[in-house]
Amino acid sequence: ELYGLDAKHAESSVIKTDKKRANYYNYFTGRKWGKL
């Protein structure tokens, strides 16, 4: 709705983005992304 992603590919895009964020965070901090 907000970013105009194709519904067919939106879920995989969201999951890939999460993976990139987690990898970046985990690599640079030594912590786990999203850990409360």
PDB file of all heavy atoms in Angstrom:
ATOM      1  N   GLU A   1       0.804  -1.222   0.000  1.00  0.00           N
ATOM      2  CA  GLU A   1       0.000   0.000   0.000  1.00  0.00           C
ATOM      3  C   GLU A   1       0.837   1.272   0.000  1.00  0.00           C
ATOM      4  O   GLU A   1       0.563   2.211  -0.739  1.00  0.00           O
ATOM      5  CB  GLU A   1      -0.938   0.011   1.211  1.00  0.00           C
ATOM      6  CG  GLU A   1      -2.030  -1.026   1.138  1.00  0.00           C
ATOM      7  CD  GLU A   1      -2.894  -1.083   2.385  1.00  0.00           C
ATOM      8  OE1 GLU A   1      -2.608  -0.344   3.365  1.00  0.00           O
ATOM      9  OE2 GLU A   1      -3.860  -1.863   2.386  1.00  0.00           O
ATOM     10  N   LEU A   2       1.853   1.335   0.846  1.00  0.00           N
ATOM     11  CA  LEU A   2       2.628   2.570   0.981  1.00  0.00           C
ATOM     12  C   LEU A   2       3.800   2.667   0.018  1.00  0.00           C
ATOM     13  O   LEU A   2       4.175   3.758  -0.402  1.00  0.00           O
ATOM     14  CB  LEU A   2       3.149   2.722   2.412  1.00  0.00           C
ATOM     15  CG  LEU A   2       2.100   2.927   3.495  1.00  0.00           C
ATOM     16  CD1 LEU A   2       2.759   3.039   4.855  1.00  0.00           C
ATOM     17  CD2 LEU A   2       1.268   4.165   3.211  1.00  0.00           C
ATOM     18  N   TYR A   3       4.406   1.526  -0.275  1.00  0.00           N
ATOM     19  CA  TYR A   3       5.623   1.560  -1.082  1.00  0.00           C
ATOM     20  C   TYR A   3       5.426   1.021  -2.494  1.00  0.00           C
ATOM     21  O   TYR A   3       6.372   0.967  -3.270  1.00  0.00           O
ATOM     22  CB  TYR A   3       6.744   0.791  -0.367  1.00  0.00           C
ATOM     23  CG  TYR A   3       6.949   1.275   1.047  1.00  0.00           C
ATOM     24  CD1 TYR A   3       6.810   0.418   2.121  1.00  0.00           C
ATOM     25  CD2 TYR A   3       7.256   2.608   1.315  1.00  0.00           C
ATOM     26  CE1 TYR A   3       6.979   0.863   3.429  1.00  0.00           C
ATOM     27  CE2 TYR A   3       7.424   3.066   2.607  1.00  0.00           C
ATOM     28  CZ  TYR A   3       7.283   2.189   3.657  1.00  0.00           C
ATOM     29  OH  TYR A   3       7.444   2.637   4.944  1.00  0.00           O
ATOM     30  N   GLY A   4       4.203   0.591  -2.806  1.00  0.00           N
ATOM     31  CA  GLY A   4       3.890   0.167  -4.155  1.00  0.00           C
ATOM     32  C   GLY A   4       4.516  -1.144  -4.598  1.00  0.00           C
ATOM     33  O   GLY A   4       4.619  -1.403  -5.795  1.00  0.00           O
ATOM     34  N   LEU A   5       4.943  -1.964  -3.645  1.00  0.00           N
ATOM     35  CA  LEU A   5       5.510  -3.254  -4.028  1.00  0.00           C
ATOM     36  C   LEU A   5       4.428  -4.166  -4.581  1.00  0.00           C
ATOM     37  O   LEU A   5       3.282  -4.133  -4.137  1.00  0.00           O
ATOM     38  CB  LEU A   5       6.173  -3.939  -2.832  1.00  0.00           C
ATOM     39  CG  LEU A   5       7.449  -3.307  -2.286  1.00  0.00           C
ATOM     40  CD1 LEU A   5       7.976  -4.128  -1.115  1.00  0.00           C
ATOM     41  CD2 LEU A   5       8.513  -3.205  -3.360  1.00  0.00           C
ATOM     42  N   ASP A   6       4.789  -4.964  -5.541  1.00  0.00           N
ATOM     43  CA  ASP A   6       3.887  -5.956  -6.119  1.00  0.00           C
ATOM     44  C   ASP A   6       3.518  -6.960  -5.039  1.00  0.00           C
ATOM     45  O   ASP A   6       4.398  -7.506  -4.367  1.00  0.00           O
ATOM     46  CB  ASP A   6       4.601  -6.645  -7.283  1.00  0.00           C
ATOM     47  CG  ASP A   6       3.738  -7.675  -7.969  1.00  0.00           C
ATOM     48  OD1 ASP A   6       3.377  -8.678  -7.319  1.00  0.00           O
ATOM     49  OD2 ASP A   6       3.447  -7.482  -9.156  1.00  0.00           O
ATOM     50  N   ALA A   7       2.232  -7.208  -4.849  1.00  0.00           N
ATOM     51  CA  ALA A   7       1.763  -8.103  -3.791  1.00  0.00           C
ATOM     52  C   ALA A   7       2.396  -9.486  -3.894  1.00  0.00           C
ATOM     53  O   ALA A   7       2.662 -10.130  -2.878  1.00  0.00           O
ATOM     54  CB  ALA A   7       0.239  -8.209  -3.842  1.00  0.00           C
ATOM     55  N   LYS A   8       2.648  -9.925  -5.099  1.00  0.00           N
ATOM     56  CA  LYS A   8       3.221 -11.246  -5.319  1.00  0.00           C
ATOM     57  C   LYS A   8       4.638 -11.361  -4.752  1.00  0.00           C
ATOM     58  O   LYS A   8       5.051 -12.406  -4.281  1.00  0.00           O
ATOM     59  CB  LYS A   8       3.247 -11.556  -6.824  1.00  0.00           C
ATOM     60  CG  LYS A   8       3.574 -12.996  -7.150  1.00  0.00           C
ATOM     61  CD  LYS A   8       3.761 -13.223  -8.640  1.00  0.00           C
ATOM     62  CE  LYS A   8       2.495 -12.965  -9.407  1.00  0.00           C
ATOM     63  NZ  LYS A   8       2.641 -13.308 -10.845  1.00  0.00           N
ATOM     64  N   HIS A   9       5.376 -10.259  -4.779  1.00  0.00           N
ATOM     65  CA  HIS A   9       6.765 -10.287  -4.351  1.00  0.00           C
ATOM     66  C   HIS A   9       7.011  -9.561  -3.019  1.00  0.00           C
ATOM     67  O   HIS A   9       8.137  -9.565  -2.522  1.00  0.00           O
ATOM     68  CB  HIS A   9       7.648  -9.659  -5.432  1.00  0.00           C
ATOM     69  CG  HIS A   9       7.543 -10.370  -6.733  1.00  0.00           C
ATOM     70  ND1 HIS A   9       6.833  -9.861  -7.790  1.00  0.00           N
ATOM     71  CD2 HIS A   9       8.027 -11.562  -7.142  1.00  0.00           C
ATOM     72  CE1 HIS A   9       6.897 -10.711  -8.799  1.00  0.00           C
ATOM     73  NE2 HIS A   9       7.613 -11.751  -8.438  1.00  0.00           N
ATOM     74  N   ALA A  10       5.983  -8.967  -2.472  1.00  0.00           N
ATOM     75  CA  ALA A  10       6.163  -8.146  -1.265  1.00  0.00           C
ATOM     76  C   ALA A  10       6.657  -8.965  -0.077  1.00  0.00           C
ATOM     77  O   ALA A  10       7.557  -8.526   0.642  1.00  0.00           O
ATOM     78  CB  ALA A  10       4.858  -7.438  -0.923  1.00  0.00           C
ATOM     79  N   GLU A  11       6.093 -10.143   0.138  1.00  0.00           N
ATOM     80  CA  GLU A  11       6.504 -10.933   1.297  1.00  0.00           C
ATOM     81  C   GLU A  11       7.973 -11.317   1.210  1.00  0.00           C
ATOM     82  O   GLU A  11       8.718 -11.171   2.191  1.00  0.00           O
ATOM     83  CB  GLU A  11       5.644 -12.183   1.473  1.00  0.00           C
ATOM     84  CG  GLU A  11       6.001 -12.949   2.724  1.00  0.00           C
ATOM     85  CD  GLU A  11       5.045 -14.082   3.049  1.00  0.00           C
ATOM     86  OE1 GLU A  11       4.025 -14.236   2.366  1.00  0.00           O
ATOM     87  OE2 GLU A  11       5.343 -14.815   4.005  1.00  0.00           O
ATOM     88  N   SER A  12       8.414 -11.771   0.068  1.00  0.00           N
ATOM     89  CA  SER A  12       9.823 -12.150  -0.048  1.00  0.00           C
ATOM     90  C   SER A  12      10.729 -10.922   0.103  1.00  0.00           C
ATOM     91  O   SER A  12      11.810 -11.015   0.673  1.00  0.00           O
ATOM     92  CB  SER A  12      10.105 -12.870  -1.365  1.00  0.00           C
ATOM     93  OG  SER A  12       9.916 -12.009  -2.462  1.00  0.00           O
ATOM     94  N   SER A  13      10.274  -9.775  -0.354  1.00  0.00           N
ATOM     95  CA  SER A  13      11.048  -8.552  -0.204  1.00  0.00           C
ATOM     96  C   SER A  13      11.171  -8.154   1.266  1.00  0.00           C
ATOM     97  O   SER A  13      12.258  -7.769   1.720  1.00  0.00           O
ATOM     98  CB  SER A  13      10.394  -7.423  -1.002  1.00  0.00           C
ATOM     99  OG  SER A  13      11.103  -6.232  -0.835  1.00  0.00           O
ATOM    100  N   VAL A  14      10.089  -8.261   2.010  1.00  0.00           N
ATOM    101  CA  VAL A  14      10.106  -7.948   3.439  1.00  0.00           C
ATOM    102  C   VAL A  14      11.046  -8.903   4.176  1.00  0.00           C
ATOM    103  O   VAL A  14      11.856  -8.482   5.010  1.00  0.00           O
ATOM    104  CB  VAL A  14       8.675  -7.992   4.030  1.00  0.00           C
ATOM    105  CG1 VAL A  14       8.699  -7.964   5.544  1.00  0.00           C
ATOM    106  CG2 VAL A  14       7.836  -6.847   3.474  1.00  0.00           C
ATOM    107  N   ILE A  15      10.967 -10.169   3.852  1.00  0.00           N
ATOM    108  CA  ILE A  15      11.818 -11.174   4.500  1.00  0.00           C
ATOM    109  C   ILE A  15      13.296 -10.929   4.167  1.00  0.00           C
ATOM    110  O   ILE A  15      14.164 -10.998   5.046  1.00  0.00           O
ATOM    111  CB  ILE A  15      11.372 -12.599   4.113  1.00  0.00           C
ATOM    112  CG1 ILE A  15      10.004 -12.889   4.744  1.00  0.00           C
ATOM    113  CG2 ILE A  15      12.408 -13.636   4.521  1.00  0.00           C
ATOM    114  CD1 ILE A  15       9.327 -14.148   4.228  1.00  0.00           C
ATOM    115  N   LYS A  16      13.587 -10.617   2.902  1.00  0.00           N
ATOM    116  CA  LYS A  16      14.974 -10.332   2.500  1.00  0.00           C
ATOM    117  C   LYS A  16      15.502  -9.082   3.204  1.00  0.00           C
ATOM    118  O   LYS A  16      16.657  -9.046   3.632  1.00  0.00           O
ATOM    119  CB  LYS A  16      15.061 -10.151   0.989  1.00  0.00           C
ATOM    120  CG  LYS A  16      14.983 -11.445   0.211  1.00  0.00           C
ATOM    121  CD  LYS A  16      15.040 -11.178  -1.278  1.00  0.00           C
ATOM    122  CE  LYS A  16      14.759 -12.457  -2.044  1.00  0.00           C
ATOM    123  NZ  LYS A  16      14.674 -12.223  -3.497  1.00  0.00           N
ATOM    124  N   THR A  17      14.657  -8.077   3.328  1.00  0.00           N
ATOM    125  CA  THR A  17      15.061  -6.851   4.014  1.00  0.00           C
ATOM    126  C   THR A  17      15.376  -7.141   5.479  1.00  0.00           C
ATOM    127  O   THR A  17      16.369  -6.649   6.022  1.00  0.00           O
ATOM    128  CB  THR A  17      13.973  -5.768   3.889  1.00  0.00           C
ATOM    129  OG1 THR A  17      13.783  -5.471   2.501  1.00  0.00           O
ATOM    130  CG2 THR A  17      14.354  -4.504   4.629  1.00  0.00           C
ATOM    131  N   ASP A  18      14.541  -7.950   6.119  1.00  0.00           N
ATOM    132  CA  ASP A  18      14.806  -8.337   7.507  1.00  0.00           C
ATOM    133  C   ASP A  18      16.139  -9.061   7.629  1.00  0.00           C
ATOM    134  O   ASP A  18      16.909  -8.818   8.560  1.00  0.00           O
ATOM    135  CB  ASP A  18      13.699  -9.259   8.034  1.00  0.00           C
ATOM    136  CG  ASP A  18      12.497  -8.508   8.543  1.00  0.00           C
ATOM    137  OD1 ASP A  18      12.528  -7.260   8.573  1.00  0.00           O
ATOM    138  OD2 ASP A  18      11.517  -9.165   8.931  1.00  0.00           O
ATOM    139  N   LYS A  19      16.405  -9.947   6.700  1.00  0.00           N
ATOM    140  CA  LYS A  19      17.648 -10.711   6.745  1.00  0.00           C
ATOM    141  C   LYS A  19      18.853  -9.776   6.603  1.00  0.00           C
ATOM    142  O   LYS A  19      19.844  -9.918   7.326  1.00  0.00           O
ATOM    143  CB  LYS A  19      17.661 -11.773   5.650  1.00  0.00           C
ATOM    144  CG  LYS A  19      18.824 -12.714   5.753  1.00  0.00           C
ATOM    145  CD  LYS A  19      18.703 -13.868   4.779  1.00  0.00           C
ATOM    146  CE  LYS A  19      19.855 -14.823   5.007  1.00  0.00           C
ATOM    147  NZ  LYS A  19      19.758 -16.025   4.221  1.00  0.00           N
ATOM    148  N   LYS A  20      18.751  -8.802   5.694  1.00  0.00           N
ATOM    149  CA  LYS A  20      19.838  -7.839   5.510  1.00  0.00           C
ATOM    150  C   LYS A  20      20.034  -7.010   6.784  1.00  0.00           C
ATOM    151  O   LYS A  20      21.164  -6.778   7.206  1.00  0.00           O
ATOM    152  CB  LYS A  20      19.537  -6.915   4.332  1.00  0.00           C
ATOM    153  CG  LYS A  20      19.668  -7.572   2.981  1.00  0.00           C
ATOM    154  CD  LYS A  20      19.316  -6.592   1.887  1.00  0.00           C
ATOM    155  CE  LYS A  20      19.300  -7.269   0.532  1.00  0.00           C
ATOM    156  NZ  LYS A  20      18.877  -6.352  -0.545  1.00  0.00           N
ATOM    157  N   ARG A  21      18.936  -6.560   7.379  1.00  0.00           N
ATOM    158  CA  ARG A  21      19.029  -5.772   8.609  1.00  0.00           C
ATOM    159  C   ARG A  21      19.672  -6.593   9.727  1.00  0.00           C
ATOM    160  O   ARG A  21      20.546  -6.101  10.446  1.00  0.00           O
ATOM    161  CB  ARG A  21      17.643  -5.306   9.051  1.00  0.00           C
ATOM    162  CG  ARG A  21      17.076  -4.213   8.203  1.00  0.00           C
ATOM    163  CD  ARG A  21      15.685  -3.832   8.661  1.00  0.00           C
ATOM    164  NE  ARG A  21      15.179  -2.734   7.861  1.00  0.00           N
ATOM    165  CZ  ARG A  21      13.911  -2.507   7.629  1.00  0.00           C
ATOM    166  NH1 ARG A  21      12.986  -3.286   8.156  1.00  0.00           N
ATOM    167  NH2 ARG A  21      13.533  -1.483   6.896  1.00  0.00           N
ATOM    168  N   ALA A  22      19.227  -7.827   9.861  1.00  0.00           N
ATOM    169  CA  ALA A  22      19.766  -8.692  10.915  1.00  0.00           C
ATOM    170  C   ALA A  22      21.249  -8.960  10.691  1.00  0.00           C
ATOM    171  O   ALA A  22      22.046  -8.885  11.626  1.00  0.00           O
ATOM    172  CB  ALA A  22      18.986 -10.005  10.971  1.00  0.00           C
ATOM    173  N   ASN A  23      21.627  -9.262   9.471  1.00  0.00           N
ATOM    174  CA  ASN A  23      23.032  -9.528   9.166  1.00  0.00           C
ATOM    175  C   ASN A  23      23.902  -8.305   9.449  1.00  0.00           C
ATOM    176  O   ASN A  23      24.982  -8.427  10.029  1.00  0.00           O
ATOM    177  CB  ASN A  23      23.208  -9.971   7.715  1.00  0.00           C
ATOM    178  CG  ASN A  23      22.714 -11.378   7.475  1.00  0.00           C
ATOM    179  OD1 ASN A  23      22.586 -12.178   8.394  1.00  0.00           O
ATOM    180  ND2 ASN A  23      22.411 -11.689   6.221  1.00  0.00           N
ATOM    181  N   TYR A  24      23.447  -7.148   9.037  1.00  0.00           N
ATOM    182  CA  TYR A  24      24.187  -5.905   9.276  1.00  0.00           C
ATOM    183  C   TYR A  24      24.364  -5.691  10.776  1.00  0.00           C
ATOM    184  O   TYR A  24      25.466  -5.469  11.261  1.00  0.00           O
ATOM    185  CB  TYR A  24      23.425  -4.727   8.653  1.00  0.00           C
ATOM    186  CG  TYR A  24      24.076  -3.388   8.871  1.00  0.00           C
ATOM    187  CD1 TYR A  24      24.952  -2.872   7.928  1.00  0.00           C
ATOM    188  CD2 TYR A  24      23.817  -2.635  10.008  1.00  0.00           C
ATOM    189  CE1 TYR A  24      25.562  -1.636   8.113  1.00  0.00           C
ATOM    190  CE2 TYR A  24      24.425  -1.404  10.213  1.00  0.00           C
ATOM    191  CZ  TYR A  24      25.287  -0.908   9.260  1.00  0.00           C
ATOM    192  OH  TYR A  24      25.886   0.308   9.461  1.00  0.00           O
ATOM    193  N   TYR A  25      23.254  -5.752  11.499  1.00  0.00           N
ATOM    194  CA  TYR A  25      23.274  -5.504  12.944  1.00  0.00           C
ATOM    195  C   TYR A  25      24.160  -6.525  13.659  1.00  0.00           C
ATOM    196  O   TYR A  25      25.010  -6.164  14.465  1.00  0.00           O
ATOM    197  CB  TYR A  25      21.851  -5.550  13.490  1.00  0.00           C
ATOM    198  CG  TYR A  25      21.756  -5.182  14.954  1.00  0.00           C
ATOM    199  CD1 TYR A  25      21.631  -3.858  15.342  1.00  0.00           C
ATOM    200  CD2 TYR A  25      21.793  -6.149  15.947  1.00  0.00           C
ATOM    201  CE1 TYR A  25      21.546  -3.511  16.680  1.00  0.00           C
ATOM    202  CE2 TYR A  25      21.717  -5.813  17.287  1.00  0.00           C
ATOM    203  CZ  TYR A  25      21.596  -4.488  17.646  1.00  0.00           C
ATOM    204  OH  TYR A  25      21.521  -4.147  18.967  1.00  0.00           O
ATOM    205  N   ASN A  26      23.950  -7.795  13.368  1.00  0.00           N
ATOM    206  CA  ASN A  26      24.703  -8.859  14.024  1.00  0.00           C
ATOM    207  C   ASN A  26      26.202  -8.736  13.737  1.00  0.00           C
ATOM    208  O   ASN A  26      27.031  -8.934  14.625  1.00  0.00           O
ATOM    209  CB  ASN A  26      24.197 -10.229  13.588  1.00  0.00           C
ATOM    210  CG  ASN A  26      22.738 -10.460  13.935  1.00  0.00           C
ATOM    211  OD1 ASN A  26      22.124  -9.711  14.684  1.00  0.00           O
ATOM    212  ND2 ASN A  26      22.160 -11.491  13.357  1.00  0.00           N
ATOM    213  N   TYR A  27      26.544  -8.419  12.499  1.00  0.00           N
ATOM    214  CA  TYR A  27      27.950  -8.311  12.107  1.00  0.00           C
ATOM    215  C   TYR A  27      28.655  -7.163  12.837  1.00  0.00           C
ATOM    216  O   TYR A  27      29.739  -7.328  13.371  1.00  0.00           O
ATOM    217  CB  TYR A  27      28.066  -8.120  10.591  1.00  0.00           C
ATOM    218  CG  TYR A  27      29.477  -7.957  10.112  1.00  0.00           C
ATOM    219  CD1 TYR A  27      30.294  -9.066   9.925  1.00  0.00           C
ATOM    220  CD2 TYR A  27      30.009  -6.693   9.851  1.00  0.00           C
ATOM    221  CE1 TYR A  27      31.608  -8.925   9.496  1.00  0.00           C
ATOM    222  CE2 TYR A  27      31.316  -6.547   9.420  1.00  0.00           C
ATOM    223  CZ  TYR A  27      32.108  -7.662   9.240  1.00  0.00           C
ATOM    224  OH  TYR A  27      33.411  -7.512   8.809  1.00  0.00           O
ATOM    225  N   PHE A  28      28.019  -5.991  12.829  1.00  0.00           N
ATOM    226  CA  PHE A  28      28.680  -4.811  13.377  1.00  0.00           C
ATOM    227  C   PHE A  28      28.589  -4.683  14.896  1.00  0.00           C
ATOM    228  O   PHE A  28      29.371  -3.961  15.503  1.00  0.00           O
ATOM    229  CB  PHE A  28      28.149  -3.535  12.715  1.00  0.00           C
ATOM    230  CG  PHE A  28      28.674  -3.358  11.323  1.00  0.00           C
ATOM    231  CD1 PHE A  28      27.861  -3.612  10.232  1.00  0.00           C
ATOM    232  CD2 PHE A  28      29.985  -2.972  11.095  1.00  0.00           C
ATOM    233  CE1 PHE A  28      28.339  -3.462   8.941  1.00  0.00           C
ATOM    234  CE2 PHE A  28      30.475  -2.826   9.808  1.00  0.00           C
ATOM    235  CZ  PHE A  28      29.652  -3.071   8.725  1.00  0.00           C
ATOM    236  N   THR A  29      27.650  -5.373  15.524  1.00  0.00           N
ATOM    237  CA  THR A  29      27.485  -5.216  16.969  1.00  0.00           C
ATOM    238  C   THR A  29      27.842  -6.460  17.769  1.00  0.00           C
ATOM    239  O   THR A  29      28.078  -6.363  18.972  1.00  0.00           O
ATOM    240  CB  THR A  29      26.023  -4.856  17.319  1.00  0.00           C
ATOM    241  OG1 THR A  29      25.182  -5.978  17.062  1.00  0.00           O
ATOM    242  CG2 THR A  29      25.550  -3.637  16.549  1.00  0.00           C
ATOM    243  N   GLY A  30      27.809  -7.621  17.138  1.00  0.00           N
ATOM    244  CA  GLY A  30      28.001  -8.867  17.873  1.00  0.00           C
ATOM    245  C   GLY A  30      26.769  -9.246  18.687  1.00  0.00           C
ATOM    246  O   GLY A  30      26.799 -10.176  19.484  1.00  0.00           O
ATOM    247  N   ARG A  31      25.701  -8.516  18.483  1.00  0.00           N
ATOM    248  CA  ARG A  31      24.430  -8.784  19.164  1.00  0.00           C
ATOM    249  C   ARG A  31      23.435  -9.371  18.166  1.00  0.00           C
ATOM    250  O   ARG A  31      23.679  -9.377  16.972  1.00  0.00           O
ATOM    251  CB  ARG A  31      23.818  -7.491  19.699  1.00  0.00           C
ATOM    252  CG  ARG A  31      24.622  -6.776  20.746  1.00  0.00           C
ATOM    253  CD  ARG A  31      23.899  -5.499  21.081  1.00  0.00           C
ATOM    254  NE  ARG A  31      24.501  -4.764  22.170  1.00  0.00           N
ATOM    255  CZ  ARG A  31      24.054  -3.589  22.577  1.00  0.00           C
ATOM    256  NH1 ARG A  31      23.022  -3.024  21.992  1.00  0.00           N
ATOM    257  NH2 ARG A  31      24.643  -2.971  23.578  1.00  0.00           N
ATOM    258  N   LYS A  32      22.296  -9.809  18.691  1.00  0.00           N
ATOM    259  CA  LYS A  32      21.249 -10.337  17.826  1.00  0.00           C
ATOM    260  C   LYS A  32      20.188  -9.263  17.582  1.00  0.00           C
ATOM    261  O   LYS A  32      19.623  -8.709  18.522  1.00  0.00           O
ATOM    262  CB  LYS A  32      20.602 -11.578  18.446  1.00  0.00           C
ATOM    263  CG  LYS A  32      19.591 -12.214  17.528  1.00  0.00           C
ATOM    264  CD  LYS A  32      19.065 -13.516  18.047  1.00  0.00           C
ATOM    265  CE  LYS A  32      18.056 -14.046  17.038  1.00  0.00           C
ATOM    266  NZ  LYS A  32      17.404 -15.229  17.476  1.00  0.00           N
ATOM    267  N   TRP A  33      19.932  -8.969  16.312  1.00  0.00           N
ATOM    268  CA  TRP A  33      18.953  -7.967  15.915  1.00  0.00           C
ATOM    269  C   TRP A  33      17.561  -8.344  16.424  1.00  0.00           C
ATOM    270  O   TRP A  33      17.146  -9.499  16.338  1.00  0.00           O
ATOM    271  CB  TRP A  33      18.928  -7.851  14.392  1.00  0.00           C
ATOM    272  CG  TRP A  33      17.967  -6.849  13.845  1.00  0.00           C
ATOM    273  CD1 TRP A  33      18.078  -5.494  13.929  1.00  0.00           C
ATOM    274  CD2 TRP A  33      16.781  -7.105  13.109  1.00  0.00           C
ATOM    275  NE1 TRP A  33      17.026  -4.905  13.288  1.00  0.00           N
ATOM    276  CE2 TRP A  33      16.214  -5.873  12.776  1.00  0.00           C
ATOM    277  CE3 TRP A  33      16.137  -8.276  12.697  1.00  0.00           C
ATOM    278  CZ2 TRP A  33      15.035  -5.760  12.052  1.00  0.00           C
ATOM    279  CZ3 TRP A  33      14.966  -8.168  11.989  1.00  0.00           C
ATOM    280  CH2 TRP A  33      14.420  -6.916  11.668  1.00  0.00           C
ATOM    281  N   GLY A  34      16.875  -7.390  17.000  1.00  0.00           N
ATOM    282  CA  GLY A  34      15.514  -7.599  17.475  1.00  0.00           C
ATOM    283  C   GLY A  34      15.409  -8.160  18.877  1.00  0.00           C
ATOM    284  O   GLY A  34      14.308  -8.291  19.408  1.00  0.00           O
ATOM    285  N   LYS A  35      16.518  -8.493  19.488  1.00  0.00           N
ATOM    286  CA  LYS A  35      16.496  -9.041  20.838  1.00  0.00           C
ATOM    287  C   LYS A  35      16.080  -7.933  21.808  1.00  0.00           C
ATOM    288  O   LYS A  35      16.696  -6.865  21.859  1.00  0.00           O
ATOM    289  CB  LYS A  35      17.872  -9.596  21.207  1.00  0.00           C
ATOM    290  CG  LYS A  35      17.873 -10.431  22.452  1.00  0.00           C
ATOM    291  CD  LYS A  35      19.208 -11.134  22.627  1.00  0.00           C
ATOM    292  CE  LYS A  35      19.147 -12.030  23.839  1.00  0.00           C
ATOM    293  NZ  LYS A  35      20.416 -12.711  24.057  1.00  0.00           N
ATOM    294  N   LEU A  36      15.046  -8.191  22.572  1.00  0.00           N
ATOM    295  CA  LEU A  36      14.444  -7.151  23.400  1.00  0.00           C
ATOM    296  C   LEU A  36      15.397  -6.537  24.413  1.00  0.00           C
ATOM    297  O   LEU A  36      15.252  -5.361  24.761  1.00  0.00           O
ATOM    298  CB  LEU A  36      13.205  -7.701  24.106  1.00  0.00           C
ATOM    299  CG  LEU A  36      12.062  -8.128  23.179  1.00  0.00           C
ATOM    300  CD1 LEU A  36      10.889  -8.635  23.988  1.00  0.00           C
ATOM    301  CD2 LEU A  36      11.647  -7.003  22.257  1.00  0.00           C
TER     302      LEU A  36
END
